[in-house]
């Protein structure tokens, strides 16, 4: 695992100016990585929602069943009771209502999970300037980032590969640089 110090900036030009200061202090280009972190809840937006309904744990099934039952009752009451329809059309209305209700229940579950995940994410969006450091030069990198006005200065252990923070996880709560130093002492 590699030692990484990172700071957040609002724009790429601001982060690039700080990278130049790091180069002037002896850091090499392969040890500095700039990338944009999406706003909370916007990670992996390119991944489409599955078409099928994944039943999952018991609380997921409860939402699915509650939606199906509510949909069946609505289907029966609208088409069966109001239109004085025959038994086959009432059954069809119940099945269609149950299917629609189950889809709505599953949608509520997905929305609740999304809101819960977004609520837990602590990392702010912006341009992250990450520096691959050693124990000897981490204080220098932190000082340059702090003096340049970096927001959310953090320290992490991760995989640095080919000039990039390879295992960066935007949903992971960052460890503030000062707090990480205090934990080690």
N, C-alpha and C. Protein backbone atom coordinates (compact mmCIF):
# COMPACT_ATOMS: atom_id res chain seq x y z
N UNK A 1 0.84 -1.19 0.00
CA UNK A 1 0.00 0.00 0.00
C UNK A 1 0.89 1.25 0.00
N UNK A 2 0.41 2.24 -0.69
CA UNK A 2 1.13 3.50 -0.81
C UNK A 2 0.51 4.54 0.10
N UNK A 3 1.32 5.46 0.54
CA UNK A 3 0.87 6.57 1.36
C UNK A 3 0.48 7.71 0.42
N UNK A 4 -0.71 8.27 0.64
CA UNK A 4 -1.25 9.31 -0.25
C UNK A 4 -1.75 10.48 0.59
N UNK A 5 -1.42 11.69 0.16
CA UNK A 5 -1.95 12.91 0.76
C UNK A 5 -2.72 13.62 -0.34
N UNK A 6 -3.94 14.08 -0.04
CA UNK A 6 -4.77 14.70 -1.07
C UNK A 6 -5.50 15.91 -0.52
N UNK A 7 -5.81 16.82 -1.42
CA UNK A 7 -6.59 18.00 -1.08
C UNK A 7 -7.58 18.30 -2.20
N UNK A 8 -8.69 18.91 -1.85
CA UNK A 8 -9.75 19.20 -2.81
C UNK A 8 -9.70 20.67 -3.20
N UNK A 9 -9.86 20.92 -4.50
CA UNK A 9 -9.90 22.28 -5.04
C UNK A 9 -11.17 22.43 -5.85
N UNK A 10 -11.58 23.68 -6.10
CA UNK A 10 -12.83 23.90 -6.82
C UNK A 10 -12.65 23.84 -8.33
N UNK A 11 -11.45 24.13 -8.83
CA UNK A 11 -11.23 24.13 -10.28
C UNK A 11 -9.95 23.40 -10.65
N UNK A 12 -9.88 22.95 -11.89
CA UNK A 12 -8.66 22.32 -12.39
C UNK A 12 -7.50 23.31 -12.45
N UNK A 13 -7.70 24.56 -12.92
CA UNK A 13 -6.57 25.50 -12.94
C UNK A 13 -5.97 25.73 -11.55
N UNK A 14 -6.80 25.79 -10.53
CA UNK A 14 -6.27 25.97 -9.17
C UNK A 14 -5.45 24.77 -8.75
N UNK A 15 -5.94 23.57 -9.04
CA UNK A 15 -5.21 22.35 -8.68
C UNK A 15 -3.93 22.22 -9.50
N UNK A 16 -3.97 22.61 -10.78
CA UNK A 16 -2.77 22.55 -11.61
C UNK A 16 -1.69 23.50 -11.12
N UNK A 17 -2.09 24.67 -10.62
CA UNK A 17 -1.13 25.62 -10.07
C UNK A 17 -0.44 25.04 -8.83
N UNK A 18 -1.20 24.32 -8.03
CA UNK A 18 -0.63 23.68 -6.83
C UNK A 18 0.29 22.54 -7.24
N UNK A 19 -0.07 21.82 -8.30
CA UNK A 19 0.80 20.75 -8.79
C UNK A 19 2.16 21.32 -9.20
N UNK A 20 2.16 22.47 -9.83
CA UNK A 20 3.43 23.13 -10.20
C UNK A 20 4.26 23.45 -8.96
N UNK A 21 3.61 23.87 -7.89
CA UNK A 21 4.33 24.15 -6.64
C UNK A 21 4.93 22.86 -6.07
N UNK A 22 4.20 21.75 -6.20
CA UNK A 22 4.73 20.47 -5.73
C UNK A 22 5.94 20.06 -6.56
N UNK A 23 5.89 20.27 -7.87
CA UNK A 23 7.03 19.94 -8.73
C UNK A 23 8.25 20.78 -8.34
N UNK A 24 8.00 22.05 -8.00
CA UNK A 24 9.09 22.93 -7.59
C UNK A 24 9.71 22.47 -6.26
N UNK A 25 8.94 21.76 -5.46
CA UNK A 25 9.45 21.26 -4.16
C UNK A 25 10.05 19.86 -4.27
N UNK A 26 10.18 19.33 -5.50
CA UNK A 26 10.87 18.06 -5.70
C UNK A 26 10.00 16.86 -6.01
N UNK A 27 8.70 17.02 -6.06
CA UNK A 27 7.83 15.90 -6.42
C UNK A 27 7.88 15.72 -7.93
N UNK A 28 7.76 14.47 -8.38
CA UNK A 28 7.78 14.19 -9.81
C UNK A 28 6.36 14.02 -10.33
N UNK A 29 6.24 14.12 -11.65
CA UNK A 29 4.93 14.08 -12.27
C UNK A 29 4.17 12.78 -12.00
N UNK A 30 4.88 11.67 -11.90
CA UNK A 30 4.23 10.38 -11.65
C UNK A 30 3.66 10.27 -10.24
N UNK A 31 4.02 11.20 -9.36
CA UNK A 31 3.52 11.17 -7.99
C UNK A 31 2.40 12.15 -7.73
N UNK A 32 1.89 12.79 -8.78
CA UNK A 32 0.82 13.78 -8.63
C UNK A 32 -0.32 13.41 -9.59
N UNK A 33 -1.53 13.33 -9.06
CA UNK A 33 -2.69 12.92 -9.83
C UNK A 33 -3.84 13.89 -9.55
N UNK A 34 -4.43 14.45 -10.61
CA UNK A 34 -5.59 15.34 -10.48
C UNK A 34 -6.77 14.66 -11.14
N UNK A 35 -7.91 14.66 -10.46
CA UNK A 35 -9.13 14.09 -11.05
C UNK A 35 -10.34 14.69 -10.37
N UNK A 36 -11.48 14.62 -11.08
CA UNK A 36 -12.71 15.20 -10.57
C UNK A 36 -13.51 14.16 -9.79
N UNK A 37 -14.02 14.55 -8.64
CA UNK A 37 -14.88 13.69 -7.84
C UNK A 37 -16.31 14.21 -8.01
N UNK A 38 -17.19 13.34 -8.49
CA UNK A 38 -18.59 13.71 -8.71
C UNK A 38 -19.28 14.06 -7.40
N UNK A 39 -20.39 14.80 -7.47
CA UNK A 39 -21.17 15.08 -6.26
C UNK A 39 -21.70 13.79 -5.64
N UNK A 40 -21.99 13.86 -4.35
CA UNK A 40 -22.50 12.68 -3.63
C UNK A 40 -23.72 12.11 -4.33
N UNK A 41 -23.73 10.78 -4.42
CA UNK A 41 -24.85 10.09 -5.05
C UNK A 41 -24.77 10.04 -6.56
N UNK A 42 -23.77 10.64 -7.16
CA UNK A 42 -23.66 10.69 -8.62
C UNK A 42 -22.55 9.76 -9.13
N UNK A 43 -22.04 8.89 -8.30
CA UNK A 43 -20.98 7.98 -8.71
C UNK A 43 -21.58 6.84 -9.51
N UNK A 44 -20.92 6.48 -10.58
CA UNK A 44 -21.32 5.37 -11.45
C UNK A 44 -22.71 5.60 -12.04
N UNK A 45 -23.00 6.82 -12.45
CA UNK A 45 -24.31 7.12 -13.03
C UNK A 45 -24.51 6.46 -14.37
N UNK A 46 -23.42 6.03 -15.01
CA UNK A 46 -23.54 5.40 -16.31
C UNK A 46 -24.11 3.99 -16.21
N UNK A 47 -24.14 3.43 -15.02
CA UNK A 47 -24.65 2.08 -14.82
C UNK A 47 -26.18 2.12 -14.81
N UNK A 48 -26.84 1.46 -15.77
CA UNK A 48 -28.31 1.50 -15.80
C UNK A 48 -28.91 0.65 -14.68
N UNK A 49 -30.11 1.02 -14.28
CA UNK A 49 -30.83 0.21 -13.29
C UNK A 49 -31.22 -1.11 -13.94
N UNK A 50 -31.20 -2.17 -13.19
CA UNK A 50 -31.59 -3.45 -13.77
C UNK A 50 -33.08 -3.45 -14.14
N UNK A 51 -33.41 -4.17 -15.20
CA UNK A 51 -34.80 -4.24 -15.65
C UNK A 51 -35.60 -5.15 -14.74
N UNK A 52 -34.97 -6.22 -14.25
CA UNK A 52 -35.67 -7.16 -13.39
C UNK A 52 -35.77 -6.60 -11.97
N UNK A 53 -36.68 -7.15 -11.19
CA UNK A 53 -36.84 -6.75 -9.81
C UNK A 53 -36.08 -7.73 -8.94
N UNK A 54 -35.09 -7.24 -8.23
CA UNK A 54 -34.31 -8.09 -7.34
C UNK A 54 -34.99 -8.07 -5.98
N UNK A 55 -35.47 -9.24 -5.55
CA UNK A 55 -36.24 -9.31 -4.31
C UNK A 55 -35.37 -9.02 -3.11
N UNK A 56 -34.20 -9.64 -3.00
CA UNK A 56 -33.24 -9.33 -1.95
C UNK A 56 -33.68 -9.70 -0.55
N UNK A 57 -33.18 -8.95 0.46
CA UNK A 57 -33.46 -9.25 1.86
C UNK A 57 -34.93 -9.11 2.23
N UNK A 58 -35.30 -9.57 3.44
CA UNK A 58 -36.71 -9.55 3.86
C UNK A 58 -37.38 -8.18 3.78
N UNK A 59 -36.67 -7.10 4.13
CA UNK A 59 -37.34 -5.79 4.08
C UNK A 59 -37.62 -5.38 2.63
N UNK A 60 -36.84 -5.88 1.67
CA UNK A 60 -37.14 -5.62 0.26
C UNK A 60 -38.41 -6.37 -0.14
N UNK A 61 -38.51 -7.62 0.30
CA UNK A 61 -39.69 -8.43 -0.02
C UNK A 61 -40.94 -7.80 0.57
N UNK A 62 -40.83 -7.23 1.77
CA UNK A 62 -41.98 -6.60 2.41
C UNK A 62 -42.49 -5.46 1.54
N UNK A 63 -41.61 -4.60 1.04
CA UNK A 63 -42.03 -3.49 0.18
C UNK A 63 -42.66 -4.02 -1.11
N UNK A 64 -42.09 -5.07 -1.65
CA UNK A 64 -42.61 -5.67 -2.87
C UNK A 64 -44.00 -6.25 -2.64
N UNK A 65 -44.18 -6.98 -1.56
CA UNK A 65 -45.47 -7.61 -1.25
C UNK A 65 -46.52 -6.55 -0.93
N UNK A 66 -46.13 -5.55 -0.13
CA UNK A 66 -47.08 -4.49 0.21
C UNK A 66 -47.55 -3.76 -1.05
N UNK A 67 -46.61 -3.50 -1.96
CA UNK A 67 -46.97 -2.85 -3.22
C UNK A 67 -47.88 -3.73 -4.05
N UNK A 68 -47.59 -5.04 -4.09
CA UNK A 68 -48.41 -5.97 -4.88
C UNK A 68 -49.82 -6.07 -4.31
N UNK A 69 -49.95 -6.18 -3.01
CA UNK A 69 -51.27 -6.28 -2.38
C UNK A 69 -52.07 -5.00 -2.61
N UNK A 70 -51.41 -3.86 -2.41
CA UNK A 70 -52.11 -2.58 -2.62
C UNK A 70 -52.54 -2.45 -4.08
N UNK A 71 -51.67 -2.84 -5.01
CA UNK A 71 -52.02 -2.77 -6.43
C UNK A 71 -53.16 -3.69 -6.78
N UNK A 72 -53.17 -4.91 -6.21
CA UNK A 72 -54.25 -5.86 -6.48
C UNK A 72 -55.58 -5.31 -5.97
N UNK A 73 -55.57 -4.73 -4.77
CA UNK A 73 -56.81 -4.18 -4.19
C UNK A 73 -57.32 -3.03 -5.05
N UNK A 74 -56.41 -2.16 -5.49
CA UNK A 74 -56.81 -1.04 -6.33
C UNK A 74 -57.35 -1.56 -7.67
N UNK A 75 -56.66 -2.56 -8.25
CA UNK A 75 -57.11 -3.14 -9.53
C UNK A 75 -58.50 -3.74 -9.42
N UNK A 76 -58.72 -4.50 -8.36
CA UNK A 76 -60.03 -5.13 -8.17
C UNK A 76 -61.11 -4.08 -7.94
N UNK A 77 -60.82 -3.11 -7.09
CA UNK A 77 -61.84 -2.12 -6.76
C UNK A 77 -62.17 -1.23 -7.97
N UNK A 78 -61.18 -0.87 -8.76
CA UNK A 78 -61.45 -0.01 -9.90
C UNK A 78 -62.18 -0.74 -11.02
N UNK A 79 -61.65 -1.89 -11.39
CA UNK A 79 -62.22 -2.57 -12.55
C UNK A 79 -63.31 -3.57 -12.16
N UNK A 80 -63.12 -4.26 -11.07
CA UNK A 80 -64.09 -5.29 -10.69
C UNK A 80 -65.36 -4.72 -10.10
N UNK A 81 -65.22 -3.90 -9.08
CA UNK A 81 -66.39 -3.40 -8.37
C UNK A 81 -67.07 -2.26 -9.12
N UNK A 82 -66.30 -1.35 -9.64
CA UNK A 82 -66.89 -0.17 -10.28
C UNK A 82 -67.52 -0.49 -11.62
N UNK A 83 -66.93 -1.40 -12.37
CA UNK A 83 -67.44 -1.69 -13.70
C UNK A 83 -68.32 -2.94 -13.75
N UNK A 84 -68.52 -3.56 -12.60
CA UNK A 84 -69.32 -4.78 -12.52
C UNK A 84 -68.86 -5.79 -13.59
N UNK A 85 -67.56 -5.96 -13.63
CA UNK A 85 -66.96 -6.81 -14.66
C UNK A 85 -67.09 -8.28 -14.29
N UNK A 86 -66.81 -9.11 -15.27
CA UNK A 86 -66.88 -10.56 -15.07
C UNK A 86 -65.68 -11.01 -14.23
N UNK A 87 -65.73 -12.24 -13.77
CA UNK A 87 -64.67 -12.80 -12.94
C UNK A 87 -63.32 -12.80 -13.66
N UNK A 88 -63.22 -13.21 -14.92
CA UNK A 88 -61.91 -13.19 -15.58
C UNK A 88 -61.32 -11.79 -15.68
N UNK A 89 -62.14 -10.79 -16.00
CA UNK A 89 -61.59 -9.43 -16.09
C UNK A 89 -61.21 -8.90 -14.72
N UNK A 90 -61.90 -9.31 -13.65
CA UNK A 90 -61.53 -8.91 -12.30
C UNK A 90 -60.19 -9.53 -11.92
N UNK A 91 -59.99 -10.81 -12.27
CA UNK A 91 -58.72 -11.47 -11.98
C UNK A 91 -57.59 -10.81 -12.75
N UNK A 92 -57.82 -10.48 -14.01
CA UNK A 92 -56.81 -9.80 -14.81
C UNK A 92 -56.48 -8.44 -14.20
N UNK A 93 -57.51 -7.71 -13.76
CA UNK A 93 -57.29 -6.41 -13.13
C UNK A 93 -56.47 -6.56 -11.86
N UNK A 94 -56.73 -7.61 -11.08
CA UNK A 94 -55.97 -7.85 -9.86
C UNK A 94 -54.51 -8.16 -10.18
N UNK A 95 -54.28 -8.99 -11.19
CA UNK A 95 -52.91 -9.36 -11.57
C UNK A 95 -52.14 -8.13 -12.08
N UNK A 96 -52.76 -7.37 -12.94
CA UNK A 96 -52.10 -6.17 -13.46
C UNK A 96 -51.84 -5.17 -12.33
N UNK A 97 -52.82 -5.00 -11.45
CA UNK A 97 -52.64 -4.10 -10.31
C UNK A 97 -51.53 -4.58 -9.39
N UNK A 98 -51.45 -5.88 -9.16
CA UNK A 98 -50.39 -6.44 -8.31
C UNK A 98 -49.03 -6.22 -8.95
N UNK A 99 -48.94 -6.42 -10.25
CA UNK A 99 -47.67 -6.24 -10.94
C UNK A 99 -47.23 -4.77 -10.85
N UNK A 100 -48.15 -3.86 -11.13
CA UNK A 100 -47.82 -2.43 -11.03
C UNK A 100 -47.44 -2.04 -9.60
N UNK A 101 -48.19 -2.56 -8.63
CA UNK A 101 -47.89 -2.26 -7.23
C UNK A 101 -46.53 -2.79 -6.81
N UNK A 102 -46.17 -3.99 -7.28
CA UNK A 102 -44.86 -4.56 -6.96
C UNK A 102 -43.75 -3.71 -7.56
N UNK A 103 -43.94 -3.23 -8.77
CA UNK A 103 -42.93 -2.36 -9.41
C UNK A 103 -42.77 -1.06 -8.62
N UNK A 104 -43.91 -0.50 -8.17
CA UNK A 104 -43.84 0.73 -7.39
C UNK A 104 -43.15 0.48 -6.05
N UNK A 105 -43.47 -0.64 -5.40
CA UNK A 105 -42.82 -0.98 -4.13
C UNK A 105 -41.32 -1.16 -4.30
N UNK A 106 -40.90 -1.81 -5.38
CA UNK A 106 -39.47 -1.99 -5.65
C UNK A 106 -38.81 -0.64 -5.92
N UNK A 107 -39.52 0.25 -6.61
CA UNK A 107 -38.99 1.59 -6.88
C UNK A 107 -38.79 2.38 -5.59
N UNK A 108 -39.73 2.27 -4.67
CA UNK A 108 -39.58 2.94 -3.37
C UNK A 108 -38.34 2.44 -2.66
N UNK A 109 -38.12 1.12 -2.74
CA UNK A 109 -36.96 0.53 -2.08
C UNK A 109 -35.67 1.07 -2.69
N UNK A 110 -35.59 1.11 -4.02
CA UNK A 110 -34.38 1.62 -4.68
C UNK A 110 -34.14 3.07 -4.30
N UNK A 111 -35.21 3.85 -4.25
CA UNK A 111 -35.07 5.26 -3.90
C UNK A 111 -34.57 5.42 -2.47
N UNK A 112 -35.12 4.63 -1.56
CA UNK A 112 -34.69 4.69 -0.15
C UNK A 112 -33.23 4.29 -0.02
N UNK A 113 -32.81 3.25 -0.74
CA UNK A 113 -31.41 2.83 -0.68
C UNK A 113 -30.49 3.91 -1.22
N UNK A 114 -30.90 4.55 -2.32
CA UNK A 114 -30.09 5.61 -2.91
C UNK A 114 -29.94 6.78 -1.93
N UNK A 115 -31.04 7.20 -1.32
CA UNK A 115 -31.00 8.31 -0.38
C UNK A 115 -30.14 7.97 0.83
N UNK A 116 -30.22 6.72 1.30
CA UNK A 116 -29.41 6.30 2.45
C UNK A 116 -27.93 6.33 2.09
N UNK A 117 -27.58 5.85 0.89
CA UNK A 117 -26.19 5.81 0.47
C UNK A 117 -25.66 7.25 0.32
N UNK A 118 -26.43 8.12 -0.31
CA UNK A 118 -26.01 9.50 -0.50
C UNK A 118 -25.84 10.20 0.84
N UNK A 119 -26.74 9.92 1.79
CA UNK A 119 -26.66 10.55 3.10
C UNK A 119 -25.38 10.16 3.83
N UNK A 120 -24.91 8.92 3.64
CA UNK A 120 -23.71 8.45 4.33
C UNK A 120 -22.43 8.97 3.70
N UNK A 121 -22.44 9.30 2.42
CA UNK A 121 -21.22 9.75 1.76
C UNK A 121 -20.80 11.11 2.32
N UNK A 122 -19.53 11.18 2.70
CA UNK A 122 -19.05 12.40 3.33
C UNK A 122 -18.14 13.22 2.42
N UNK A 123 -17.66 12.62 1.35
CA UNK A 123 -16.71 13.30 0.47
C UNK A 123 -17.44 14.32 -0.39
N UNK A 124 -16.90 15.53 -0.43
CA UNK A 124 -17.47 16.61 -1.25
C UNK A 124 -16.95 16.49 -2.68
N UNK A 125 -17.68 17.05 -3.63
CA UNK A 125 -17.23 17.01 -5.02
C UNK A 125 -16.20 18.10 -5.26
N UNK A 126 -15.45 17.95 -6.32
CA UNK A 126 -14.43 18.92 -6.70
C UNK A 126 -13.24 18.23 -7.32
N UNK A 127 -12.20 18.99 -7.58
CA UNK A 127 -10.98 18.46 -8.17
C UNK A 127 -10.07 18.00 -7.04
N UNK A 128 -9.76 16.73 -7.03
CA UNK A 128 -8.89 16.17 -6.00
C UNK A 128 -7.48 16.09 -6.54
N UNK A 129 -6.55 16.66 -5.81
CA UNK A 129 -5.14 16.57 -6.14
C UNK A 129 -4.54 15.58 -5.16
N UNK A 130 -4.15 14.42 -5.66
CA UNK A 130 -3.59 13.36 -4.83
C UNK A 130 -2.09 13.28 -5.08
N UNK A 131 -1.34 13.11 -4.00
CA UNK A 131 0.12 13.06 -4.09
C UNK A 131 0.60 11.76 -3.46
N UNK A 132 1.36 11.00 -4.22
CA UNK A 132 1.99 9.77 -3.74
C UNK A 132 3.22 10.22 -2.93
N UNK A 133 3.21 9.93 -1.64
CA UNK A 133 4.26 10.43 -0.75
C UNK A 133 4.95 9.28 -0.02
N UNK A 134 6.04 9.63 0.64
CA UNK A 134 6.72 8.71 1.54
C UNK A 134 6.60 9.29 2.94
N UNK A 135 7.05 8.55 3.93
CA UNK A 135 6.99 9.05 5.31
C UNK A 135 7.82 10.32 5.46
N UNK A 136 8.89 10.43 4.66
CA UNK A 136 9.79 11.59 4.77
C UNK A 136 9.21 12.86 4.14
N UNK A 137 8.44 12.74 3.05
CA UNK A 137 8.00 13.95 2.36
C UNK A 137 6.49 14.21 2.47
N UNK A 138 5.76 13.44 3.27
CA UNK A 138 4.32 13.67 3.39
C UNK A 138 4.01 15.02 4.03
N UNK A 139 4.82 15.45 4.99
CA UNK A 139 4.58 16.74 5.64
C UNK A 139 4.77 17.88 4.64
N UNK A 140 5.73 17.74 3.74
CA UNK A 140 5.97 18.76 2.71
C UNK A 140 4.77 18.87 1.78
N UNK A 141 4.27 17.72 1.33
CA UNK A 141 3.10 17.73 0.44
C UNK A 141 1.90 18.35 1.14
N UNK A 142 1.67 17.98 2.39
CA UNK A 142 0.54 18.53 3.15
C UNK A 142 0.70 20.04 3.33
N UNK A 143 1.90 20.48 3.57
CA UNK A 143 2.15 21.91 3.76
C UNK A 143 1.86 22.69 2.48
N UNK A 144 2.31 22.17 1.33
CA UNK A 144 2.05 22.84 0.04
C UNK A 144 0.55 22.90 -0.22
N UNK A 145 -0.15 21.80 0.00
CA UNK A 145 -1.60 21.77 -0.22
C UNK A 145 -2.33 22.72 0.73
N UNK A 146 -1.93 22.71 1.99
CA UNK A 146 -2.58 23.57 2.99
C UNK A 146 -2.35 25.04 2.67
N UNK A 147 -1.10 25.42 2.32
CA UNK A 147 -0.78 26.81 2.01
C UNK A 147 -1.52 27.29 0.76
N UNK A 148 -1.80 26.37 -0.16
CA UNK A 148 -2.50 26.73 -1.39
C UNK A 148 -4.02 26.81 -1.19
N UNK A 149 -4.48 26.51 0.01
CA UNK A 149 -5.91 26.62 0.31
C UNK A 149 -6.73 25.40 -0.03
N UNK A 150 -6.12 24.23 0.00
CA UNK A 150 -6.87 23.00 -0.30
C UNK A 150 -7.95 22.79 0.74
N UNK A 151 -9.11 22.37 0.27
CA UNK A 151 -10.19 22.00 1.17
C UNK A 151 -10.05 20.51 1.48
N UNK A 152 -10.47 20.11 2.64
CA UNK A 152 -10.52 18.70 3.00
C UNK A 152 -9.20 17.97 2.76
N UNK A 153 -8.14 18.45 3.39
CA UNK A 153 -6.84 17.79 3.30
C UNK A 153 -6.94 16.43 3.96
N UNK A 154 -6.55 15.37 3.23
CA UNK A 154 -6.70 14.02 3.74
C UNK A 154 -5.45 13.19 3.53
N UNK A 155 -5.38 12.11 4.29
CA UNK A 155 -4.28 11.15 4.18
C UNK A 155 -4.91 9.77 4.00
N UNK A 156 -4.33 8.98 3.09
CA UNK A 156 -4.91 7.66 2.82
C UNK A 156 -3.81 6.66 2.50
N UNK A 157 -4.17 5.42 2.62
CA UNK A 157 -3.34 4.31 2.15
C UNK A 157 -4.07 3.71 0.97
N UNK A 158 -3.37 3.56 -0.14
CA UNK A 158 -4.03 3.02 -1.32
C UNK A 158 -3.02 2.50 -2.32
N UNK A 159 -3.53 2.08 -3.45
CA UNK A 159 -2.67 1.58 -4.51
C UNK A 159 -2.38 2.71 -5.48
N UNK A 160 -1.10 3.00 -5.64
CA UNK A 160 -0.67 4.00 -6.60
C UNK A 160 -0.08 3.24 -7.77
N UNK A 161 -0.67 3.42 -8.95
CA UNK A 161 -0.26 2.63 -10.09
C UNK A 161 -0.22 3.51 -11.34
N UNK A 162 0.91 3.61 -11.98
CA UNK A 162 1.03 4.36 -13.23
C UNK A 162 0.70 5.84 -13.09
N UNK A 163 1.03 6.43 -11.97
CA UNK A 163 0.77 7.85 -11.76
C UNK A 163 -0.65 8.18 -11.34
N UNK A 164 -1.40 7.15 -10.91
CA UNK A 164 -2.80 7.37 -10.51
C UNK A 164 -3.10 6.64 -9.20
N UNK A 165 -4.05 7.19 -8.47
CA UNK A 165 -4.57 6.54 -7.28
C UNK A 165 -5.54 5.48 -7.77
N UNK A 166 -5.06 4.26 -7.94
CA UNK A 166 -5.79 3.20 -8.64
C UNK A 166 -7.04 2.71 -7.91
N UNK A 167 -7.02 2.66 -6.59
CA UNK A 167 -8.16 2.11 -5.87
C UNK A 167 -8.98 3.18 -5.14
N UNK A 168 -8.96 4.40 -5.67
CA UNK A 168 -9.72 5.49 -5.07
C UNK A 168 -11.21 5.14 -5.08
N UNK A 169 -11.87 5.32 -3.94
CA UNK A 169 -13.30 5.06 -3.81
C UNK A 169 -13.98 6.35 -3.35
N UNK A 170 -14.75 7.00 -4.23
CA UNK A 170 -15.37 8.28 -3.87
C UNK A 170 -16.41 8.16 -2.76
N UNK A 171 -16.90 6.94 -2.50
CA UNK A 171 -17.89 6.78 -1.44
C UNK A 171 -17.25 6.55 -0.07
N UNK A 172 -15.95 6.34 -0.05
CA UNK A 172 -15.21 6.12 1.20
C UNK A 172 -15.06 7.45 1.95
N UNK A 173 -15.32 7.44 3.24
CA UNK A 173 -15.16 8.65 4.04
C UNK A 173 -13.68 8.97 4.18
N UNK A 174 -13.26 10.18 3.79
CA UNK A 174 -11.84 10.52 3.87
C UNK A 174 -11.38 10.68 5.32
N UNK A 175 -10.09 10.39 5.55
CA UNK A 175 -9.48 10.59 6.87
C UNK A 175 -8.72 11.91 6.82
N UNK A 176 -9.14 12.92 7.58
CA UNK A 176 -8.45 14.21 7.57
C UNK A 176 -6.96 14.03 7.90
N UNK A 177 -6.11 14.81 7.25
CA UNK A 177 -4.67 14.67 7.41
C UNK A 177 -4.24 14.81 8.87
N UNK A 178 -4.69 15.81 9.55
CA UNK A 178 -4.31 16.01 10.96
C UNK A 178 -4.77 14.88 11.85
N UNK A 179 -5.96 14.35 11.60
CA UNK A 179 -6.52 13.25 12.39
C UNK A 179 -5.70 11.98 12.15
N UNK A 180 -5.27 11.75 10.91
CA UNK A 180 -4.48 10.56 10.61
C UNK A 180 -3.13 10.63 11.32
N UNK A 181 -2.55 11.81 11.37
CA UNK A 181 -1.26 11.97 12.04
C UNK A 181 -1.42 11.74 13.55
N UNK A 182 -2.53 12.23 14.11
CA UNK A 182 -2.77 12.07 15.55
C UNK A 182 -3.01 10.61 15.91
N UNK A 183 -3.67 9.85 15.01
CA UNK A 183 -3.93 8.44 15.28
C UNK A 183 -2.65 7.63 15.30
N UNK A 184 -1.68 8.01 14.47
CA UNK A 184 -0.40 7.29 14.42
C UNK A 184 0.42 7.53 15.66
N UNK A 185 0.34 8.72 16.23
CA UNK A 185 1.18 9.09 17.38
C UNK A 185 0.76 8.39 18.65
